[in-house]
Amino acid sequence: MNTTVNTTVDTTALDKIRDSIPEYARDLKLNLGSVLTTAGAPGLSDAQIWSVALASAIASRNSAFTHALEAVAASQLDAAHLQAARAAAAIMGMNNIYYRFLHLVEDAEYQSMPARLRMNVLANPGIDKLDFELLALAVSAINGCGLCISSHEKKLRQHGISREMMQSAVRIAATVHAVAGVLEYAAAPAHAAQAA
């Protein structure tokens, strides 16, 4: 599970992202600097940290922030991990809606019906399957699908992944998601905010 690509983070680019976070969200600025390090994300490798961060940014739907974070992540990840992060955000964007519906509708008959949705990337993600499960867990936390969170967490535990590692992944997801929202708000034209 531990893939090493590059241990030197482009701190200038990361600092630029952190500097763009408004002062009222100072905690997010500090957390972003912390959770994207192996010291701040116990149990995770650099490749896992940056894959989770990129998948989380894509799931958070702030394209400017995502592209900036992707530029930093690209210095840490090989092509397979970059592609897997994108794929995890994409597939879980679909699965989280579908399985959240199954969970919330409270009608067992739906559970027995085939999904009829292609999910081939889950079987063949291009990186270690447990690393991909970690990405799926992080994106599911952002998208709020309890059924998917439970399923991915259980599978990871069954394969010996510690709760600390999963907590680290979800801490990254939570921080990246919050930063994406704050930066989107900060970038919105003032007249749009006043019109609302």
C-alpha atoms as a PDB file:
ATOM      1  CA  MET A   1       0.000   0.000   0.000  1.00  0.00           C
ATOM      2  CA  ASN A   2       2.881   2.394   0.501  1.00  0.00           C
ATOM      3  CA  THR A   3       3.833   3.919  -2.818  1.00  0.00           C
ATOM      4  CA  THR A   4       6.567   6.503  -2.789  1.00  0.00           C
ATOM      5  CA  VAL A   5       6.923   8.907  -5.664  1.00  0.00           C
ATOM      6  CA  ASN A   6       8.451  12.175  -4.521  1.00  0.00           C
ATOM      7  CA  THR A   7       9.007  13.362  -0.993  1.00  0.00           C
ATOM      8  CA  THR A   8       9.467  17.053  -1.830  1.00  0.00           C
ATOM      9  CA  VAL A   9       6.220  18.988  -1.715  1.00  0.00           C
ATOM     10  CA  ASP A  10       5.986  22.183  -3.743  1.00  0.00           C
ATOM     11  CA  THR A  11       5.678  24.284  -0.595  1.00  0.00           C
ATOM     12  CA  THR A  12       5.425  27.532  -2.564  1.00  0.00           C
ATOM     13  CA  ALA A  13       2.291  26.336  -4.374  1.00  0.00           C
ATOM     14  CA  LEU A  14       0.814  24.908  -1.169  1.00  0.00           C
ATOM     15  CA  ASP A  15       1.587  28.131   0.707  1.00  0.00           C
ATOM     16  CA  LYS A  16      -0.148  30.089  -2.070  1.00  0.00           C
ATOM     17  CA  ILE A  17      -3.294  28.006  -1.551  1.00  0.00           C
ATOM     18  CA  ARG A  18      -3.082  28.441   2.216  1.00  0.00           C
ATOM     19  CA  ASP A  19      -2.490  32.207   1.872  1.00  0.00           C
ATOM     20  CA  SER A  20      -5.683  32.535  -0.178  1.00  0.00           C
ATOM     21  CA  ILE A  21      -7.780  31.248   2.742  1.00  0.00           C
ATOM     22  CA  PRO A  22      -9.448  34.200   4.512  1.00  0.00           C
ATOM     23  CA  GLU A  23      -8.438  35.024   8.075  1.00  0.00           C
ATOM     24  CA  TYR A  24     -11.861  34.045   9.441  1.00  0.00           C
ATOM     25  CA  ALA A  25     -11.023  30.496   8.363  1.00  0.00           C
ATOM     26  CA  ARG A  26      -7.566  30.490   9.975  1.00  0.00           C
ATOM     27  CA  ASP A  27      -8.220  27.070  11.516  1.00  0.00           C
ATOM     28  CA  LEU A  28      -8.688  25.649   8.022  1.00  0.00           C
ATOM     29  CA  LYS A  29      -5.427  27.246   6.889  1.00  0.00           C
ATOM     30  CA  LEU A  30      -3.603  25.612   9.799  1.00  0.00           C
ATOM     31  CA  ASN A  31      -5.354  22.277   9.319  1.00  0.00           C
ATOM     32  CA  LEU A  32      -4.579  22.206   5.583  1.00  0.00           C
ATOM     33  CA  GLY A  33      -0.898  22.654   6.380  1.00  0.00           C
ATOM     34  CA  SER A  34      -1.052  19.862   8.928  1.00  0.00           C
ATOM     35  CA  VAL A  35      -3.199  17.112   7.378  1.00  0.00           C
ATOM     36  CA  LEU A  36      -1.197  17.073   4.160  1.00  0.00           C
ATOM     37  CA  THR A  37       1.921  15.783   5.942  1.00  0.00           C
ATOM     38  CA  THR A  38       2.772  12.313   7.204  1.00  0.00           C
ATOM     39  CA  ALA A  39       3.079  13.767  10.721  1.00  0.00           C
ATOM     40  CA  GLY A  40      -0.416  15.232  10.470  1.00  0.00           C
ATOM     41  CA  ALA A  41      -1.951  12.173   8.783  1.00  0.00           C
ATOM     42  CA  PRO A  42      -0.718   9.264  10.923  1.00  0.00           C
ATOM     43  CA  GLY A  43      -0.386   5.950   9.130  1.00  0.00           C
ATOM     44  CA  LEU A  44      -0.671   7.313   5.598  1.00  0.00           C
ATOM     45  CA  SER A  45       2.079   7.500   3.000  1.00  0.00           C
ATOM     46  CA  ASP A  46       2.648  10.640   0.953  1.00  0.00           C
ATOM     47  CA  ALA A  47       0.963   8.975  -2.034  1.00  0.00           C
ATOM     48  CA  GLN A  48      -2.096   8.112   0.064  1.00  0.00           C
ATOM     49  CA  ILE A  49      -2.274  11.631   1.529  1.00  0.00           C
ATOM     50  CA  TRP A  50      -2.127  13.360  -1.846  1.00  0.00           C
ATOM     51  CA  SER A  51      -4.453  10.880  -3.559  1.00  0.00           C
ATOM     52  CA  VAL A  52      -7.045  11.395  -0.834  1.00  0.00           C
ATOM     53  CA  ALA A  53      -6.566  15.165  -1.014  1.00  0.00           C
ATOM     54  CA  LEU A  54      -7.049  15.257  -4.782  1.00  0.00           C
ATOM     55  CA  ALA A  55     -10.082  12.940  -4.787  1.00  0.00           C
ATOM     56  CA  SER A  56     -11.569  15.047  -1.981  1.00  0.00           C
ATOM     57  CA  ALA A  57     -10.947  18.299  -3.831  1.00  0.00           C
ATOM     58  CA  ILE A  58     -12.619  16.963  -6.982  1.00  0.00           C
ATOM     59  CA  ALA A  59     -15.592  15.777  -4.909  1.00  0.00           C
ATOM     60  CA  SER A  60     -15.814  19.233  -3.314  1.00  0.00           C
ATOM     61  CA  ARG A  61     -16.566  20.838  -6.707  1.00  0.00           C
ATOM     62  CA  ASN A  62     -14.417  23.965  -6.587  1.00  0.00           C
ATOM     63  CA  SER A  63     -12.519  23.810  -9.871  1.00  0.00           C
ATOM     64  CA  ALA A  64     -10.036  26.626  -9.165  1.00  0.00           C
ATOM     65  CA  PHE A  65      -9.040  25.115  -5.823  1.00  0.00           C
ATOM     66  CA  THR A  66      -8.982  21.596  -7.285  1.00  0.00           C
ATOM     67  CA  HIS A  67      -6.633  22.586 -10.114  1.00  0.00           C
ATOM     68  CA  ALA A  68      -4.315  24.384  -7.680  1.00  0.00           C
ATOM     69  CA  LEU A  69      -4.256  21.379  -5.347  1.00  0.00           C
ATOM     70  CA  GLU A  70      -3.810  19.009  -8.285  1.00  0.00           C
ATOM     71  CA  ALA A  71      -0.688  20.915  -9.329  1.00  0.00           C
ATOM     72  CA  VAL A  72       0.800  20.279  -5.886  1.00  0.00           C
ATOM     73  CA  ALA A  73      -0.406  16.672  -5.837  1.00  0.00           C
ATOM     74  CA  ALA A  74       1.161  16.051  -9.242  1.00  0.00           C
ATOM     75  CA  SER A  75       4.588  16.584  -7.681  1.00  0.00           C
ATOM     76  CA  GLN A  76       3.803  13.767  -5.250  1.00  0.00           C
ATOM     77  CA  LEU A  77       1.891  11.264  -7.359  1.00  0.00           C
ATOM     78  CA  ASP A  78       2.572   9.127 -10.376  1.00  0.00           C
ATOM     79  CA  ALA A  79       0.120   9.074 -13.282  1.00  0.00           C
ATOM     80  CA  ALA A  80      -1.684   6.004 -11.910  1.00  0.00           C
ATOM     81  CA  HIS A  81      -2.438   7.689  -8.572  1.00  0.00           C
ATOM     82  CA  LEU A  82      -3.557  10.912 -10.244  1.00  0.00           C
ATOM     83  CA  GLN A  83      -5.906   8.910 -12.453  1.00  0.00           C
ATOM     84  CA  ALA A  84      -7.158   6.834  -9.497  1.00  0.00           C
ATOM     85  CA  ALA A  85      -7.970   9.961  -7.492  1.00  0.00           C
ATOM     86  CA  ARG A  86     -10.014  11.300 -10.402  1.00  0.00           C
ATOM     87  CA  ALA A  87     -11.691   7.924 -10.896  1.00  0.00           C
ATOM     88  CA  ALA A  88     -12.575   7.613  -7.197  1.00  0.00           C
ATOM     89  CA  ALA A  89     -14.245  11.033  -7.191  1.00  0.00           C
ATOM     90  CA  ALA A  90     -16.137  10.142 -10.368  1.00  0.00           C
ATOM     91  CA  ILE A  91     -17.378   6.669  -9.424  1.00  0.00           C
ATOM     92  CA  MET A  92     -18.243   7.600  -5.859  1.00  0.00           C
ATOM     93  CA  GLY A  93     -20.084  10.690  -7.083  1.00  0.00           C
ATOM     94  CA  MET A  94     -22.445   8.264  -8.784  1.00  0.00           C
ATOM     95  CA  ASN A  95     -22.417   5.468  -6.208  1.00  0.00           C
ATOM     96  CA  ASN A  96     -22.948   7.762  -3.245  1.00  0.00           C
ATOM     97  CA  ILE A  97     -26.179   9.101  -4.724  1.00  0.00           C
ATOM     98  CA  TYR A  98     -27.463   5.668  -5.682  1.00  0.00           C
ATOM     99  CA  TYR A  99     -26.586   3.909  -2.420  1.00  0.00           C
ATOM    100  CA  ARG A 100     -27.690   6.831  -0.271  1.00  0.00           C
ATOM    101  CA  PHE A 101     -31.079   6.500  -1.966  1.00  0.00           C
ATOM    102  CA  LEU A 102     -31.147   2.758  -1.147  1.00  0.00           C
ATOM    103  CA  HIS A 103     -30.260   3.520   2.451  1.00  0.00           C
ATOM    104  CA  LEU A 104     -32.731   6.355   2.959  1.00  0.00           C
ATOM    105  CA  VAL A 105     -35.743   5.000   1.096  1.00  0.00           C
ATOM    106  CA  GLU A 106     -36.233   2.265   3.732  1.00  0.00           C
ATOM    107  CA  ASP A 107     -37.740  -0.184   1.261  1.00  0.00           C
ATOM    108  CA  ALA A 108     -35.967  -3.550   1.187  1.00  0.00           C
ATOM    109  CA  GLU A 109     -37.271  -4.330  -2.293  1.00  0.00           C
ATOM    110  CA  TYR A 110     -34.884  -1.772  -3.810  1.00  0.00           C
ATOM    111  CA  GLN A 111     -31.969  -3.581  -2.156  1.00  0.00           C
ATOM    112  CA  SER A 112     -32.742  -6.728  -4.147  1.00  0.00           C
ATOM    113  CA  MET A 113     -32.872  -4.920  -7.497  1.00  0.00           C
ATOM    114  CA  PRO A 114     -29.674  -4.872  -9.600  1.00  0.00           C
ATOM    115  CA  ALA A 115     -28.039  -1.439  -9.769  1.00  0.00           C
ATOM    116  CA  ARG A 116     -27.400  -1.718 -13.525  1.00  0.00           C
ATOM    117  CA  LEU A 117     -24.624   0.867 -13.211  1.00  0.00           C
ATOM    118  CA  ARG A 118     -21.108   0.225 -14.463  1.00  0.00           C
ATOM    119  CA  MET A 119     -18.547   0.201 -11.660  1.00  0.00           C
ATOM    120  CA  ASN A 120     -15.619  -1.565 -13.328  1.00  0.00           C
ATOM    121  CA  VAL A 121     -13.043   0.805 -11.847  1.00  0.00           C
ATOM    122  CA  LEU A 122     -13.723  -0.641  -8.381  1.00  0.00           C
ATOM    123  CA  ALA A 123     -12.341  -3.997  -9.513  1.00  0.00           C
ATOM    124  CA  ASN A 124      -9.507  -2.509 -11.568  1.00  0.00           C
ATOM    125  CA  PRO A 125      -8.518   0.908 -10.147  1.00  0.00           C
ATOM    126  CA  GLY A 126      -4.961   0.988 -11.480  1.00  0.00           C
ATOM    127  CA  ILE A 127      -3.480   1.293  -7.976  1.00  0.00           C
ATOM    128  CA  ASP A 128      -3.536  -0.915  -4.892  1.00  0.00           C
ATOM    129  CA  LYS A 129      -7.189  -1.803  -4.234  1.00  0.00           C
ATOM    130  CA  LEU A 130      -6.959  -0.865  -0.561  1.00  0.00           C
ATOM    131  CA  ASP A 131      -5.580   2.555  -1.471  1.00  0.00           C
ATOM    132  CA  PHE A 132      -8.551   2.987  -3.794  1.00  0.00           C
ATOM    133  CA  GLU A 133     -10.895   1.922  -0.966  1.00  0.00           C
ATOM    134  CA  LEU A 134      -9.346   4.679   1.156  1.00  0.00           C
ATOM    135  CA  LEU A 135     -10.117   7.210  -1.590  1.00  0.00           C
ATOM    136  CA  ALA A 136     -13.669   5.867  -1.870  1.00  0.00           C
ATOM    137  CA  LEU A 137     -14.113   6.223   1.901  1.00  0.00           C
ATOM    138  CA  ALA A 138     -12.942   9.850   1.841  1.00  0.00           C
ATOM    139  CA  VAL A 139     -15.196  10.808  -1.075  1.00  0.00           C
ATOM    140  CA  SER A 140     -18.141   8.972   0.516  1.00  0.00           C
ATOM    141  CA  ALA A 141     -17.624  11.006   3.694  1.00  0.00           C
ATOM    142  CA  ILE A 142     -17.800  14.228   1.666  1.00  0.00           C
ATOM    143  CA  ASN A 143     -20.900  13.071  -0.193  1.00  0.00           C
ATOM    144  CA  GLY A 144     -22.573  11.857   3.000  1.00  0.00           C
ATOM    145  CA  CYS A 145     -23.432   8.315   1.969  1.00  0.00           C
ATOM    146  CA  GLY A 146     -23.703   6.291   5.172  1.00  0.00           C
ATOM    147  CA  LEU A 147     -24.055   2.980   3.359  1.00  0.00           C
ATOM    148  CA  CYS A 148     -20.885   3.563   1.325  1.00  0.00           C
ATOM    149  CA  ILE A 149     -18.950   4.872   4.329  1.00  0.00           C
ATOM    150  CA  SER A 150     -19.863   1.777   6.313  1.00  0.00           C
ATOM    151  CA  SER A 151     -19.064  -0.585   3.450  1.00  0.00           C
ATOM    152  CA  HIS A 152     -15.632   0.900   2.644  1.00  0.00           C
ATOM    153  CA  GLU A 153     -14.666   1.271   6.309  1.00  0.00           C
ATOM    154  CA  LYS A 154     -15.566  -2.360   7.000  1.00  0.00           C
ATOM    155  CA  LYS A 155     -13.624  -3.619   3.981  1.00  0.00           C
ATOM    156  CA  LEU A 156     -10.544  -1.624   4.979  1.00  0.00           C
ATOM    157  CA  ARG A 157     -10.668  -2.936   8.561  1.00  0.00           C
ATOM    158  CA  GLN A 158     -11.057  -6.515   7.288  1.00  0.00           C
ATOM    159  CA  HIS A 159      -7.775  -6.053   5.420  1.00  0.00           C
ATOM    160  CA  GLY A 160      -5.897  -4.715   8.431  1.00  0.00           C
ATOM    161  CA  ILE A 161      -6.137  -0.989   7.763  1.00  0.00           C
ATOM    162  CA  SER A 162      -6.096   0.798  11.103  1.00  0.00           C
ATOM    163  CA  ARG A 163      -8.769   3.155  12.324  1.00  0.00           C
ATOM    164  CA  GLU A 164      -6.033   5.783  12.649  1.00  0.00           C
ATOM    165  CA  MET A 165      -5.317   5.569   8.912  1.00  0.00           C
ATOM    166  CA  MET A 166      -9.001   5.872   8.058  1.00  0.00           C
ATOM    167  CA  GLN A 167      -9.408   8.777  10.450  1.00  0.00           C
ATOM    168  CA  SER A 168      -6.433  10.475   8.768  1.00  0.00           C
ATOM    169  CA  ALA A 169      -8.074  10.069   5.353  1.00  0.00           C
ATOM    170  CA  VAL A 170     -11.379  11.484   6.588  1.00  0.00           C
ATOM    171  CA  ARG A 171      -9.601  14.379   8.337  1.00  0.00           C
ATOM    172  CA  ILE A 172      -7.992  15.243   4.981  1.00  0.00           C
ATOM    173  CA  ALA A 173     -11.389  14.987   3.251  1.00  0.00           C
ATOM    174  CA  ALA A 174     -13.064  17.183   5.870  1.00  0.00           C
ATOM    175  CA  THR A 175     -10.383  19.862   5.670  1.00  0.00           C
ATOM    176  CA  VAL A 176     -10.145  19.885   1.869  1.00  0.00           C
ATOM    177  CA  HIS A 177     -13.933  20.059   1.561  1.00  0.00           C
ATOM    178  CA  ALA A 178     -14.171  22.963   4.002  1.00  0.00           C
ATOM    179  CA  VAL A 179     -11.352  24.869   2.273  1.00  0.00           C
ATOM    180  CA  ALA A 180     -13.031  24.354  -1.116  1.00  0.00           C
ATOM    181  CA  GLY A 181     -16.254  25.860   0.215  1.00  0.00           C
ATOM    182  CA  VAL A 182     -14.570  28.838   1.862  1.00  0.00           C
ATOM    183  CA  LEU A 183     -12.512  29.616  -1.233  1.00  0.00           C
ATOM    184  CA  GLU A 184     -15.565  29.387  -3.469  1.00  0.00           C
ATOM    185  CA  TYR A 185     -17.395  31.839  -1.221  1.00  0.00           C
ATOM    186  CA  ALA A 186     -14.394  34.169  -1.097  1.00  0.00           C
ATOM    187  CA  ALA A 187     -14.092  34.151  -4.900  1.00  0.00           C
ATOM    188  CA  ALA A 188     -17.780  34.887  -5.523  1.00  0.00           C
ATOM    189  CA  PRO A 189     -18.466  38.418  -6.723  1.00  0.00           C
ATOM    190  CA  ALA A 190     -19.762  40.666  -3.942  1.00  0.00           C
ATOM    191  CA  HIS A 191     -22.854  41.638  -5.963  1.00  0.00           C
ATOM    192  CA  ALA A 192     -23.885  37.980  -6.191  1.00  0.00           C
ATOM    193  CA  ALA A 193     -23.738  37.698  -2.409  1.00  0.00           C
ATOM    194  CA  GLN A 194     -25.727  40.916  -1.989  1.00  0.00           C
ATOM    195  CA  ALA A 195     -28.417  39.770  -4.449  1.00  0.00           C
ATOM    196  CA  ALA A 196     -29.057  36.672  -2.351  1.00  0.00           C
END
